[in-house]
N, C-alpha and C. Protein backbone atom coordinates (compact mmCIF):
# COMPACT_ATOMS: atom_id res chain seq x y z
N MET A 1 -17.17 42.46 -48.39
CA MET A 1 -15.95 41.68 -48.64
C MET A 1 -15.22 41.41 -47.32
N VAL A 2 -14.75 40.19 -47.16
CA VAL A 2 -14.01 39.81 -45.97
C VAL A 2 -12.52 39.88 -46.28
N SER A 3 -11.79 40.63 -45.49
CA SER A 3 -10.37 40.81 -45.73
C SER A 3 -9.62 39.54 -45.37
N ALA A 4 -8.35 39.47 -45.82
CA ALA A 4 -7.50 38.32 -45.52
C ALA A 4 -7.28 38.19 -44.02
N THR A 5 -7.11 39.34 -43.36
CA THR A 5 -6.89 39.32 -41.90
C THR A 5 -8.10 38.76 -41.18
N GLN A 6 -9.31 39.17 -41.63
CA GLN A 6 -10.54 38.66 -41.01
C GLN A 6 -10.69 37.16 -41.24
N LYS A 7 -10.32 36.70 -42.45
CA LYS A 7 -10.39 35.26 -42.73
C LYS A 7 -9.47 34.48 -41.79
N MET A 8 -8.26 34.98 -41.60
CA MET A 8 -7.31 34.32 -40.72
C MET A 8 -7.84 34.28 -39.29
N THR A 9 -8.47 35.36 -38.87
CA THR A 9 -9.02 35.42 -37.51
C THR A 9 -10.15 34.42 -37.35
N LEU A 10 -11.04 34.34 -38.37
CA LEU A 10 -12.15 33.39 -38.31
C LEU A 10 -11.64 31.95 -38.29
N ASN A 11 -10.64 31.67 -39.12
CA ASN A 11 -10.07 30.31 -39.15
C ASN A 11 -9.44 29.94 -37.80
N LEU A 12 -8.75 30.92 -37.20
CA LEU A 12 -8.13 30.68 -35.91
C LEU A 12 -9.17 30.36 -34.85
N TRP A 13 -10.25 31.15 -34.83
CA TRP A 13 -11.31 30.90 -33.84
C TRP A 13 -12.00 29.56 -34.10
N ALA A 14 -12.13 29.16 -35.35
CA ALA A 14 -12.74 27.87 -35.68
C ALA A 14 -11.87 26.73 -35.14
N ARG A 15 -10.54 26.87 -35.28
CA ARG A 15 -9.64 25.84 -34.76
C ARG A 15 -9.71 25.77 -33.24
N VAL A 16 -9.76 26.94 -32.61
CA VAL A 16 -9.89 26.96 -31.15
C VAL A 16 -11.18 26.29 -30.71
N PHE A 17 -12.27 26.58 -31.45
CA PHE A 17 -13.56 25.98 -31.11
C PHE A 17 -13.51 24.46 -31.23
N ASN A 18 -12.88 23.96 -32.31
CA ASN A 18 -12.79 22.51 -32.52
C ASN A 18 -11.95 21.85 -31.42
N ILE A 19 -10.83 22.50 -31.05
CA ILE A 19 -10.00 21.95 -29.98
C ILE A 19 -10.77 21.90 -28.68
N THR A 20 -11.53 22.96 -28.41
CA THR A 20 -12.34 23.00 -27.19
C THR A 20 -13.37 21.89 -27.16
N ARG A 21 -13.99 21.63 -28.32
CA ARG A 21 -14.97 20.53 -28.39
C ARG A 21 -14.31 19.19 -28.10
N VAL A 22 -13.10 18.97 -28.66
CA VAL A 22 -12.40 17.71 -28.42
C VAL A 22 -12.07 17.54 -26.94
N LEU A 23 -11.56 18.62 -26.32
CA LEU A 23 -11.22 18.54 -24.90
C LEU A 23 -12.44 18.31 -24.05
N HIS A 24 -13.55 18.94 -24.42
CA HIS A 24 -14.78 18.74 -23.67
C HIS A 24 -15.27 17.30 -23.79
N TYR A 25 -15.14 16.72 -25.00
CA TYR A 25 -15.55 15.33 -25.20
C TYR A 25 -14.69 14.38 -24.37
N ARG A 26 -13.37 14.63 -24.40
CA ARG A 26 -12.48 13.77 -23.62
C ARG A 26 -12.80 13.85 -22.14
N ALA A 27 -13.08 15.03 -21.65
CA ALA A 27 -13.41 15.19 -20.23
C ALA A 27 -14.69 14.47 -19.88
N SER A 28 -15.60 14.37 -20.84
CA SER A 28 -16.88 13.73 -20.56
C SER A 28 -16.79 12.21 -20.54
N VAL A 29 -15.79 11.65 -21.25
CA VAL A 29 -15.69 10.19 -21.31
C VAL A 29 -14.61 9.62 -20.41
N ILE A 30 -13.65 10.46 -19.97
CA ILE A 30 -12.61 9.97 -19.07
C ILE A 30 -13.04 10.22 -17.65
N PRO A 31 -13.12 9.22 -16.79
CA PRO A 31 -13.56 9.41 -15.42
C PRO A 31 -12.65 10.38 -14.69
N LEU A 32 -13.22 11.11 -13.75
CA LEU A 32 -12.43 12.02 -12.94
C LEU A 32 -11.39 11.25 -12.15
N ASN A 33 -11.72 10.04 -11.73
CA ASN A 33 -10.80 9.23 -10.94
C ASN A 33 -9.95 8.34 -11.85
N SER A 34 -9.32 8.96 -12.86
CA SER A 34 -8.55 8.17 -13.81
C SER A 34 -7.07 8.14 -13.46
N ARG A 35 -6.68 8.72 -12.32
CA ARG A 35 -5.29 8.65 -11.91
C ARG A 35 -4.93 7.22 -11.52
N GLY A 36 -3.62 6.95 -11.52
CA GLY A 36 -3.15 5.58 -11.33
C GLY A 36 -3.61 4.96 -10.03
N TYR A 37 -3.88 5.77 -9.00
CA TYR A 37 -4.22 5.20 -7.72
C TYR A 37 -5.72 5.15 -7.47
N SER A 38 -6.54 5.55 -8.47
CA SER A 38 -7.99 5.48 -8.31
C SER A 38 -8.45 4.07 -8.62
N VAL A 39 -8.60 3.28 -7.60
CA VAL A 39 -8.85 1.86 -7.80
C VAL A 39 -10.22 1.42 -7.28
N LEU A 40 -10.99 2.34 -6.73
CA LEU A 40 -12.27 1.96 -6.14
C LEU A 40 -13.43 2.44 -6.99
N PRO A 41 -14.46 1.61 -7.15
CA PRO A 41 -15.68 2.09 -7.80
C PRO A 41 -16.46 2.94 -6.80
N PRO A 42 -17.33 3.81 -7.28
CA PRO A 42 -18.17 4.58 -6.35
C PRO A 42 -19.00 3.61 -5.51
N PRO A 43 -19.01 3.76 -4.19
CA PRO A 43 -19.77 2.83 -3.34
C PRO A 43 -21.27 2.93 -3.59
N HIS A 44 -21.93 1.80 -3.49
CA HIS A 44 -23.39 1.77 -3.68
C HIS A 44 -24.12 2.47 -2.55
N ASP A 45 -23.61 2.31 -1.34
CA ASP A 45 -24.31 2.87 -0.18
C ASP A 45 -23.31 3.08 0.95
N ALA A 46 -23.83 3.56 2.07
CA ALA A 46 -22.97 3.86 3.22
C ALA A 46 -22.33 2.61 3.79
N GLU A 47 -23.02 1.48 3.72
CA GLU A 47 -22.47 0.24 4.25
C GLU A 47 -21.24 -0.21 3.46
N GLU A 48 -21.34 -0.15 2.13
CA GLU A 48 -20.19 -0.53 1.31
C GLU A 48 -19.03 0.45 1.53
N LYS A 49 -19.35 1.73 1.66
CA LYS A 49 -18.31 2.74 1.92
C LYS A 49 -17.59 2.42 3.24
N ALA A 50 -18.34 2.05 4.26
CA ALA A 50 -17.73 1.74 5.56
C ALA A 50 -16.83 0.51 5.46
N ILE A 51 -17.26 -0.51 4.71
CA ILE A 51 -16.46 -1.72 4.56
C ILE A 51 -15.15 -1.42 3.84
N LEU A 52 -15.24 -0.66 2.75
CA LEU A 52 -14.05 -0.32 2.00
C LEU A 52 -13.13 0.59 2.81
N ASP A 53 -13.71 1.49 3.58
CA ASP A 53 -12.89 2.36 4.43
C ASP A 53 -12.08 1.55 5.42
N ARG A 54 -12.71 0.57 6.06
CA ARG A 54 -12.00 -0.27 7.03
C ARG A 54 -10.88 -1.04 6.34
N MET A 55 -11.17 -1.53 5.14
CA MET A 55 -10.17 -2.30 4.40
C MET A 55 -8.95 -1.44 4.08
N LEU A 56 -9.20 -0.25 3.56
CA LEU A 56 -8.10 0.64 3.19
C LEU A 56 -7.37 1.14 4.42
N ARG A 57 -8.11 1.39 5.49
CA ARG A 57 -7.49 1.91 6.71
C ARG A 57 -6.47 0.91 7.27
N VAL A 58 -6.86 -0.35 7.32
CA VAL A 58 -5.96 -1.34 7.90
C VAL A 58 -4.80 -1.64 6.95
N ASP A 59 -5.04 -1.60 5.65
CA ASP A 59 -3.94 -1.81 4.70
C ASP A 59 -2.91 -0.69 4.82
N HIS A 60 -3.41 0.52 4.94
CA HIS A 60 -2.51 1.67 5.11
C HIS A 60 -1.71 1.52 6.40
N ALA A 61 -2.39 1.13 7.48
CA ALA A 61 -1.70 0.95 8.77
C ALA A 61 -0.64 -0.13 8.68
N GLY A 62 -0.95 -1.23 7.99
CA GLY A 62 0.01 -2.31 7.84
C GLY A 62 1.25 -1.88 7.08
N GLU A 63 1.06 -1.14 6.00
CA GLU A 63 2.21 -0.67 5.23
C GLU A 63 3.00 0.38 6.01
N PHE A 64 2.29 1.19 6.78
CA PHE A 64 2.97 2.18 7.62
C PHE A 64 3.84 1.47 8.66
N GLY A 65 3.27 0.46 9.31
CA GLY A 65 4.03 -0.29 10.30
C GLY A 65 5.22 -1.00 9.70
N ALA A 66 5.05 -1.58 8.52
CA ALA A 66 6.15 -2.27 7.85
C ALA A 66 7.29 -1.30 7.54
N ASN A 67 6.93 -0.10 7.12
CA ASN A 67 7.96 0.91 6.86
C ASN A 67 8.76 1.23 8.11
N ARG A 68 8.08 1.34 9.23
CA ARG A 68 8.77 1.67 10.47
C ARG A 68 9.65 0.50 10.94
N ILE A 69 9.22 -0.73 10.69
CA ILE A 69 10.02 -1.89 11.04
C ILE A 69 11.34 -1.89 10.24
N TYR A 70 11.23 -1.65 8.94
CA TYR A 70 12.44 -1.62 8.12
C TYR A 70 13.33 -0.43 8.50
N ALA A 71 12.71 0.67 8.92
CA ALA A 71 13.51 1.81 9.38
C ALA A 71 14.31 1.42 10.63
N GLY A 72 13.69 0.68 11.53
CA GLY A 72 14.38 0.21 12.72
C GLY A 72 15.50 -0.75 12.39
N GLN A 73 15.25 -1.64 11.44
CA GLN A 73 16.30 -2.57 11.03
C GLN A 73 17.47 -1.85 10.40
N MET A 74 17.17 -0.85 9.58
CA MET A 74 18.25 -0.10 8.94
C MET A 74 19.06 0.70 9.95
N ALA A 75 18.41 1.17 11.01
CA ALA A 75 19.13 1.93 12.03
C ALA A 75 20.21 1.07 12.70
N VAL A 76 19.96 -0.23 12.77
CA VAL A 76 20.91 -1.14 13.42
C VAL A 76 21.84 -1.81 12.41
N LEU A 77 21.30 -2.25 11.29
CA LEU A 77 22.07 -3.07 10.35
C LEU A 77 22.37 -2.36 9.03
N GLY A 78 22.03 -1.08 8.94
CA GLY A 78 22.18 -0.38 7.68
C GLY A 78 23.59 -0.36 7.12
N ARG A 79 24.59 -0.40 7.99
CA ARG A 79 25.98 -0.33 7.52
C ARG A 79 26.63 -1.71 7.41
N THR A 80 25.86 -2.75 7.61
CA THR A 80 26.39 -4.09 7.46
C THR A 80 26.15 -4.58 6.04
N HIS A 81 26.62 -5.78 5.75
CA HIS A 81 26.41 -6.34 4.41
C HIS A 81 24.95 -6.57 4.10
N LEU A 82 24.11 -6.63 5.15
CA LEU A 82 22.68 -6.86 4.95
C LEU A 82 21.93 -5.56 4.62
N GLY A 83 22.58 -4.43 4.83
CA GLY A 83 21.93 -3.14 4.62
C GLY A 83 21.28 -2.97 3.27
N PRO A 84 21.97 -3.23 2.16
CA PRO A 84 21.36 -3.06 0.84
C PRO A 84 20.11 -3.91 0.63
N LEU A 85 20.11 -5.12 1.17
CA LEU A 85 18.94 -5.99 1.03
C LEU A 85 17.75 -5.42 1.79
N ILE A 86 17.98 -4.99 3.02
CA ILE A 86 16.91 -4.40 3.81
C ILE A 86 16.40 -3.13 3.13
N GLN A 87 17.31 -2.32 2.61
CA GLN A 87 16.94 -1.09 1.92
C GLN A 87 16.07 -1.38 0.70
N GLN A 88 16.42 -2.42 -0.03
CA GLN A 88 15.65 -2.80 -1.21
C GLN A 88 14.21 -3.17 -0.84
N MET A 89 14.04 -3.96 0.21
CA MET A 89 12.69 -4.32 0.64
C MET A 89 11.96 -3.10 1.18
N TRP A 90 12.69 -2.25 1.87
CA TRP A 90 12.08 -1.03 2.42
C TRP A 90 11.56 -0.13 1.30
N GLU A 91 12.31 -0.03 0.20
CA GLU A 91 11.88 0.82 -0.91
C GLU A 91 10.54 0.34 -1.48
N GLN A 92 10.36 -0.97 -1.55
CA GLN A 92 9.07 -1.49 -2.02
C GLN A 92 7.96 -1.14 -1.04
N GLU A 93 8.24 -1.21 0.25
CA GLU A 93 7.23 -0.85 1.24
C GLU A 93 6.91 0.64 1.17
N LYS A 94 7.90 1.45 0.88
CA LYS A 94 7.65 2.88 0.71
C LYS A 94 6.69 3.13 -0.45
N THR A 95 6.87 2.37 -1.53
CA THR A 95 5.97 2.49 -2.68
C THR A 95 4.55 2.11 -2.28
N HIS A 96 4.41 1.02 -1.53
CA HIS A 96 3.08 0.60 -1.07
C HIS A 96 2.43 1.70 -0.23
N LEU A 97 3.20 2.26 0.70
CA LEU A 97 2.65 3.27 1.59
C LEU A 97 2.24 4.52 0.83
N ARG A 98 3.07 4.95 -0.12
CA ARG A 98 2.70 6.13 -0.92
C ARG A 98 1.40 5.90 -1.66
N LYS A 99 1.23 4.71 -2.18
CA LYS A 99 0.00 4.39 -2.92
C LYS A 99 -1.21 4.47 -2.01
N PHE A 100 -1.11 3.90 -0.81
CA PHE A 100 -2.25 3.97 0.10
C PHE A 100 -2.45 5.38 0.65
N ASP A 101 -1.39 6.14 0.80
CA ASP A 101 -1.55 7.55 1.18
C ASP A 101 -2.41 8.27 0.14
N GLU A 102 -2.12 8.02 -1.12
CA GLU A 102 -2.86 8.66 -2.21
C GLU A 102 -4.31 8.20 -2.24
N ILE A 103 -4.52 6.91 -2.05
CA ILE A 103 -5.88 6.38 -2.10
C ILE A 103 -6.72 6.93 -0.96
N LEU A 104 -6.16 6.96 0.24
CA LEU A 104 -6.89 7.50 1.38
C LEU A 104 -7.26 8.96 1.16
N ALA A 105 -6.34 9.74 0.59
CA ALA A 105 -6.64 11.14 0.30
C ALA A 105 -7.70 11.26 -0.79
N GLU A 106 -7.59 10.42 -1.81
CA GLU A 106 -8.54 10.46 -2.93
C GLU A 106 -9.96 10.17 -2.48
N TYR A 107 -10.11 9.18 -1.61
CA TYR A 107 -11.45 8.74 -1.21
C TYR A 107 -11.85 9.23 0.18
N ARG A 108 -11.03 10.13 0.72
CA ARG A 108 -11.35 10.76 2.01
C ARG A 108 -11.59 9.71 3.10
N VAL A 109 -10.65 8.79 3.18
CA VAL A 109 -10.70 7.75 4.20
C VAL A 109 -9.81 8.17 5.36
N ARG A 110 -10.34 8.13 6.54
CA ARG A 110 -9.57 8.50 7.73
C ARG A 110 -8.58 7.39 8.07
N PRO A 111 -7.29 7.71 8.22
CA PRO A 111 -6.35 6.68 8.66
C PRO A 111 -6.60 6.34 10.12
N THR A 112 -6.07 5.22 10.56
CA THR A 112 -6.25 4.85 11.95
C THR A 112 -5.67 5.91 12.88
N ALA A 113 -6.33 6.11 13.99
CA ALA A 113 -5.85 7.06 14.98
C ALA A 113 -4.62 6.54 15.72
N LEU A 114 -4.26 5.28 15.46
CA LEU A 114 -3.15 4.65 16.18
C LEU A 114 -1.81 4.77 15.44
N LEU A 115 -1.76 5.56 14.38
CA LEU A 115 -0.50 5.70 13.65
C LEU A 115 0.66 6.14 14.54
N PRO A 116 0.47 7.07 15.49
CA PRO A 116 1.60 7.43 16.36
C PRO A 116 2.13 6.22 17.15
N LEU A 117 1.22 5.34 17.56
CA LEU A 117 1.65 4.14 18.28
C LEU A 117 2.41 3.20 17.35
N TRP A 118 1.89 2.97 16.15
CA TRP A 118 2.56 2.08 15.20
C TRP A 118 3.89 2.66 14.76
N ASN A 119 4.00 3.98 14.77
CA ASN A 119 5.26 4.63 14.43
C ASN A 119 6.37 4.19 15.38
N VAL A 120 6.07 4.26 16.66
CA VAL A 120 7.07 3.90 17.68
C VAL A 120 7.23 2.38 17.77
N ALA A 121 6.09 1.67 17.83
CA ALA A 121 6.15 0.22 18.01
C ALA A 121 6.85 -0.47 16.83
N GLY A 122 6.56 -0.01 15.62
CA GLY A 122 7.20 -0.62 14.45
C GLY A 122 8.70 -0.43 14.46
N PHE A 123 9.15 0.78 14.76
CA PHE A 123 10.58 1.05 14.79
C PHE A 123 11.27 0.22 15.87
N LEU A 124 10.65 0.16 17.05
CA LEU A 124 11.24 -0.61 18.15
C LEU A 124 11.31 -2.09 17.82
N LEU A 125 10.26 -2.61 17.16
CA LEU A 125 10.27 -4.02 16.78
C LEU A 125 11.39 -4.30 15.78
N GLY A 126 11.53 -3.44 14.78
CA GLY A 126 12.58 -3.64 13.79
C GLY A 126 13.96 -3.54 14.40
N ALA A 127 14.16 -2.53 15.25
CA ALA A 127 15.48 -2.33 15.84
C ALA A 127 15.84 -3.43 16.84
N SER A 128 14.86 -3.83 17.67
CA SER A 128 15.15 -4.82 18.71
C SER A 128 15.45 -6.19 18.11
N THR A 129 14.73 -6.58 17.08
CA THR A 129 15.02 -7.87 16.45
C THR A 129 16.33 -7.81 15.67
N ALA A 130 16.66 -6.64 15.12
CA ALA A 130 17.92 -6.49 14.41
C ALA A 130 19.11 -6.60 15.37
N LEU A 131 18.89 -6.21 16.62
CA LEU A 131 19.95 -6.34 17.63
C LEU A 131 20.30 -7.80 17.90
N LEU A 132 19.40 -8.71 17.54
CA LEU A 132 19.69 -10.14 17.65
C LEU A 132 20.60 -10.61 16.52
N GLY A 133 20.87 -9.72 15.59
CA GLY A 133 21.71 -10.07 14.45
C GLY A 133 20.89 -10.21 13.17
N LYS A 134 21.57 -10.58 12.11
CA LYS A 134 20.92 -10.76 10.82
C LYS A 134 19.74 -11.72 10.91
N GLU A 135 19.94 -12.83 11.63
CA GLU A 135 18.89 -13.84 11.72
C GLU A 135 17.65 -13.30 12.43
N GLY A 136 17.86 -12.47 13.45
CA GLY A 136 16.72 -11.90 14.16
C GLY A 136 15.93 -10.96 13.28
N ALA A 137 16.62 -10.12 12.51
CA ALA A 137 15.94 -9.20 11.59
C ALA A 137 15.15 -9.98 10.54
N MET A 138 15.75 -11.04 10.02
CA MET A 138 15.07 -11.81 8.99
C MET A 138 13.88 -12.59 9.57
N ALA A 139 14.00 -13.04 10.82
CA ALA A 139 12.88 -13.72 11.47
C ALA A 139 11.70 -12.76 11.63
N CYS A 140 11.99 -11.51 11.98
CA CYS A 140 10.94 -10.50 12.09
C CYS A 140 10.29 -10.26 10.73
N THR A 141 11.12 -10.18 9.70
CA THR A 141 10.60 -9.98 8.35
C THR A 141 9.67 -11.11 7.94
N VAL A 142 10.10 -12.34 8.20
CA VAL A 142 9.26 -13.50 7.85
C VAL A 142 7.91 -13.43 8.58
N ALA A 143 7.95 -13.16 9.88
CA ALA A 143 6.72 -13.14 10.67
C ALA A 143 5.77 -12.05 10.21
N VAL A 144 6.29 -10.86 10.01
CA VAL A 144 5.44 -9.73 9.62
C VAL A 144 4.90 -9.90 8.21
N GLU A 145 5.77 -10.26 7.28
CA GLU A 145 5.34 -10.36 5.88
C GLU A 145 4.37 -11.53 5.68
N GLU A 146 4.54 -12.57 6.45
CA GLU A 146 3.58 -13.67 6.38
C GLU A 146 2.22 -13.22 6.86
N SER A 147 2.18 -12.44 7.93
CA SER A 147 0.91 -11.94 8.46
C SER A 147 0.24 -11.00 7.46
N ILE A 148 1.03 -10.12 6.86
CA ILE A 148 0.46 -9.16 5.91
C ILE A 148 -0.05 -9.87 4.66
N SER A 149 0.73 -10.82 4.14
CA SER A 149 0.30 -11.52 2.92
C SER A 149 -0.95 -12.35 3.18
N GLU A 150 -1.05 -12.95 4.35
CA GLU A 150 -2.27 -13.70 4.69
C GLU A 150 -3.47 -12.76 4.79
N HIS A 151 -3.25 -11.57 5.36
CA HIS A 151 -4.34 -10.60 5.45
C HIS A 151 -4.77 -10.15 4.05
N TYR A 152 -3.80 -9.89 3.18
CA TYR A 152 -4.14 -9.52 1.81
C TYR A 152 -4.91 -10.66 1.11
N ASN A 153 -4.52 -11.89 1.36
CA ASN A 153 -5.22 -13.02 0.76
C ASN A 153 -6.67 -13.08 1.22
N SER A 154 -6.92 -12.79 2.48
CA SER A 154 -8.30 -12.80 2.98
C SER A 154 -9.11 -11.70 2.31
N GLN A 155 -8.49 -10.54 2.05
CA GLN A 155 -9.19 -9.46 1.35
C GLN A 155 -9.47 -9.84 -0.10
N ILE A 156 -8.51 -10.49 -0.72
CA ILE A 156 -8.70 -10.93 -2.11
C ILE A 156 -9.88 -11.89 -2.20
N ARG A 157 -9.96 -12.84 -1.26
CA ARG A 157 -11.07 -13.79 -1.28
C ARG A 157 -12.41 -13.07 -1.09
N ALA A 158 -12.44 -12.11 -0.18
CA ALA A 158 -13.68 -11.39 0.08
C ALA A 158 -14.13 -10.59 -1.14
N LEU A 159 -13.19 -9.94 -1.81
CA LEU A 159 -13.53 -9.15 -2.99
C LEU A 159 -13.93 -10.04 -4.16
N MET A 160 -13.29 -11.18 -4.29
CA MET A 160 -13.65 -12.12 -5.36
C MET A 160 -15.06 -12.66 -5.15
N GLU A 161 -15.41 -12.94 -3.90
CA GLU A 161 -16.75 -13.43 -3.61
C GLU A 161 -17.81 -12.34 -3.81
N ALA A 162 -17.43 -11.10 -3.54
CA ALA A 162 -18.40 -10.01 -3.65
C ALA A 162 -18.68 -9.66 -5.11
N ASP A 163 -17.65 -9.28 -5.86
CA ASP A 163 -17.83 -8.89 -7.26
C ASP A 163 -16.45 -8.66 -7.87
N PRO A 164 -15.84 -9.68 -8.45
CA PRO A 164 -14.48 -9.53 -8.97
C PRO A 164 -14.35 -8.51 -10.08
N GLU A 165 -15.38 -8.34 -10.90
CA GLU A 165 -15.31 -7.37 -11.98
C GLU A 165 -15.39 -5.94 -11.45
N ARG A 166 -16.26 -5.75 -10.48
CA ARG A 166 -16.44 -4.42 -9.90
C ARG A 166 -15.17 -3.95 -9.19
N TYR A 167 -14.48 -4.88 -8.53
CA TYR A 167 -13.31 -4.53 -7.75
C TYR A 167 -12.01 -4.95 -8.42
N LYS A 168 -12.01 -5.07 -9.74
CA LYS A 168 -10.84 -5.64 -10.42
C LYS A 168 -9.59 -4.78 -10.23
N ASP A 169 -9.73 -3.46 -10.21
CA ASP A 169 -8.55 -2.60 -10.04
C ASP A 169 -7.99 -2.72 -8.63
N LEU A 170 -8.88 -2.76 -7.65
CA LEU A 170 -8.42 -2.93 -6.27
C LEU A 170 -7.80 -4.31 -6.09
N LEU A 171 -8.38 -5.31 -6.69
CA LEU A 171 -7.83 -6.66 -6.61
C LEU A 171 -6.42 -6.72 -7.22
N GLN A 172 -6.25 -6.07 -8.35
CA GLN A 172 -4.94 -6.07 -8.99
C GLN A 172 -3.90 -5.41 -8.09
N LEU A 173 -4.27 -4.31 -7.45
CA LEU A 173 -3.35 -3.61 -6.56
C LEU A 173 -2.97 -4.48 -5.36
N ILE A 174 -3.97 -5.08 -4.72
CA ILE A 174 -3.70 -5.89 -3.54
C ILE A 174 -2.88 -7.12 -3.90
N LYS A 175 -3.17 -7.73 -5.04
CA LYS A 175 -2.39 -8.90 -5.46
C LYS A 175 -0.93 -8.52 -5.71
N GLU A 176 -0.71 -7.37 -6.31
CA GLU A 176 0.66 -6.91 -6.57
C GLU A 176 1.42 -6.71 -5.26
N PHE A 177 0.76 -6.06 -4.30
CA PHE A 177 1.43 -5.82 -3.03
C PHE A 177 1.61 -7.13 -2.26
N ARG A 178 0.62 -8.02 -2.33
CA ARG A 178 0.73 -9.33 -1.69
C ARG A 178 1.93 -10.09 -2.21
N ASP A 179 2.15 -10.04 -3.50
CA ASP A 179 3.29 -10.75 -4.11
C ASP A 179 4.61 -10.18 -3.61
N ASP A 180 4.67 -8.86 -3.42
CA ASP A 180 5.88 -8.26 -2.87
C ASP A 180 6.14 -8.76 -1.45
N GLU A 181 5.06 -8.85 -0.65
CA GLU A 181 5.22 -9.30 0.73
C GLU A 181 5.68 -10.76 0.78
N ILE A 182 5.16 -11.58 -0.11
CA ILE A 182 5.59 -12.98 -0.18
C ILE A 182 7.07 -13.06 -0.55
N GLU A 183 7.49 -12.20 -1.47
CA GLU A 183 8.89 -12.18 -1.86
C GLU A 183 9.78 -11.81 -0.67
N HIS A 184 9.34 -10.83 0.13
CA HIS A 184 10.11 -10.45 1.32
C HIS A 184 10.16 -11.61 2.32
N HIS A 185 9.04 -12.29 2.48
CA HIS A 185 8.97 -13.45 3.37
C HIS A 185 9.99 -14.51 2.94
N ASP A 186 10.00 -14.81 1.65
CA ASP A 186 10.91 -15.84 1.15
C ASP A 186 12.37 -15.39 1.27
N THR A 187 12.61 -14.11 1.10
CA THR A 187 13.96 -13.58 1.26
C THR A 187 14.45 -13.79 2.69
N GLY A 188 13.56 -13.55 3.66
CA GLY A 188 13.91 -13.77 5.05
C GLY A 188 14.30 -15.21 5.32
N LEU A 189 13.54 -16.14 4.77
CA LEU A 189 13.87 -17.55 4.95
C LEU A 189 15.20 -17.90 4.31
N GLU A 190 15.47 -17.30 3.14
CA GLU A 190 16.72 -17.58 2.43
C GLU A 190 17.94 -17.04 3.18
N HIS A 191 17.69 -16.08 4.09
CA HIS A 191 18.80 -15.48 4.83
C HIS A 191 18.77 -15.89 6.31
N ASP A 192 18.47 -17.16 6.52
CA ASP A 192 18.68 -17.83 7.81
C ASP A 192 17.77 -17.34 8.94
N ALA A 193 16.56 -16.94 8.61
CA ALA A 193 15.63 -16.49 9.65
C ALA A 193 15.38 -17.58 10.68
N GLU A 194 15.25 -18.80 10.23
CA GLU A 194 14.87 -19.89 11.13
C GLU A 194 16.00 -20.32 12.05
N SER A 195 17.20 -19.78 11.84
CA SER A 195 18.33 -20.20 12.66
C SER A 195 18.48 -19.35 13.93
N VAL A 196 17.67 -18.30 14.06
CA VAL A 196 17.76 -17.49 15.28
C VAL A 196 17.23 -18.30 16.46
N PRO A 197 17.87 -18.26 17.62
CA PRO A 197 17.38 -19.00 18.78
C PRO A 197 15.94 -18.59 19.14
N GLY A 198 15.10 -19.59 19.39
CA GLY A 198 13.71 -19.30 19.74
C GLY A 198 12.89 -18.78 18.58
N TYR A 199 13.23 -19.22 17.36
CA TYR A 199 12.57 -18.70 16.16
C TYR A 199 11.06 -18.81 16.23
N TRP A 200 10.55 -19.99 16.55
CA TRP A 200 9.09 -20.19 16.51
C TRP A 200 8.39 -19.38 17.60
N LEU A 201 9.02 -19.22 18.73
CA LEU A 201 8.44 -18.39 19.78
C LEU A 201 8.42 -16.93 19.37
N LEU A 202 9.54 -16.47 18.80
CA LEU A 202 9.62 -15.09 18.34
C LEU A 202 8.61 -14.83 17.23
N LYS A 203 8.55 -15.73 16.28
CA LYS A 203 7.61 -15.57 15.16
C LYS A 203 6.17 -15.53 15.66
N SER A 204 5.81 -16.44 16.57
CA SER A 204 4.44 -16.48 17.08
C SER A 204 4.08 -15.21 17.83
N ALA A 205 5.03 -14.68 18.62
CA ALA A 205 4.77 -13.46 19.38
C ALA A 205 4.56 -12.27 18.45
N ILE A 206 5.39 -12.17 17.42
CA ILE A 206 5.26 -11.06 16.47
C ILE A 206 3.94 -11.16 15.72
N GLN A 207 3.59 -12.36 15.29
CA GLN A 207 2.35 -12.51 14.53
C GLN A 207 1.12 -12.28 15.39
N LEU A 208 1.20 -12.61 16.66
CA LEU A 208 0.10 -12.29 17.57
C LEU A 208 -0.09 -10.78 17.66
N GLY A 209 1.02 -10.07 17.75
CA GLY A 209 0.96 -8.62 17.77
C GLY A 209 0.40 -8.06 16.47
N CYS A 210 0.77 -8.66 15.35
CA CYS A 210 0.25 -8.21 14.05
C CYS A 210 -1.26 -8.39 13.96
N LYS A 211 -1.74 -9.52 14.43
CA LYS A 211 -3.19 -9.76 14.40
C LYS A 211 -3.94 -8.75 15.27
N ALA A 212 -3.37 -8.43 16.43
CA ALA A 212 -4.01 -7.44 17.30
C ALA A 212 -4.00 -6.07 16.63
N ALA A 213 -2.88 -5.73 15.97
CA ALA A 213 -2.78 -4.43 15.30
C ALA A 213 -3.78 -4.33 14.16
N ILE A 214 -3.96 -5.41 13.41
CA ILE A 214 -4.93 -5.43 12.32
C ILE A 214 -6.34 -5.22 12.85
N TYR A 215 -6.65 -5.90 13.94
CA TYR A 215 -8.00 -5.82 14.50
C TYR A 215 -8.34 -4.40 14.95
N VAL A 216 -7.43 -3.77 15.70
CA VAL A 216 -7.74 -2.45 16.23
C VAL A 216 -7.64 -1.36 15.16
N SER A 217 -6.73 -1.54 14.17
CA SER A 217 -6.58 -0.52 13.14
C SER A 217 -7.81 -0.42 12.25
N GLU A 218 -8.52 -1.53 12.07
CA GLU A 218 -9.76 -1.49 11.31
C GLU A 218 -10.83 -0.66 11.99
N ARG A 219 -10.78 -0.61 13.30
CA ARG A 219 -11.89 -0.06 14.08
C ARG A 219 -11.62 1.30 14.71
N ILE A 220 -10.36 1.66 14.86
CA ILE A 220 -10.03 2.91 15.55
C ILE A 220 -9.34 3.89 14.60
């Protein structure tokens, strides 16, 4: 005869066993990389891994540099009427950077060795253009965000040509960040960026520097 206590114990163990089976099934069907920032498919080979590493490395460097630029602008203009607007754009860039920090850690991608340089250079660029006034800061924003959005567009085209279904999560992420950069660019224009003296010269010089930074960050 089985006592009531033994029956309760058997029923309890049966429930635990069923729960364990459910959890095991879920673990088997849910990918390990199911966190919000897991956007890359497993690479087919070392060549694809190297290409994706370069792409992520330069994107991370770009967002890092943008953060430092806004930090420099805030150091100069943070207490002016333009401060809240710069802070708002900076918060979006912080979100971008955190996402790429997570992705690089997830996929064991080495960031560029030039981050210490971009740390200083980005802050100095943001602060020095902000010293020209609101228009100078906005001109810098237009130049940098235009360069970054164009770079994101080139990555989108490359991924679409390669395999849009395979890279759909990465494409969605890059498109989202690209749209934010375009919004920042348009905000700069709306706040008199083009009225700063020597606008086109300043913009061209900044964008030349951005192109050089993109080139070396991919490789170093």
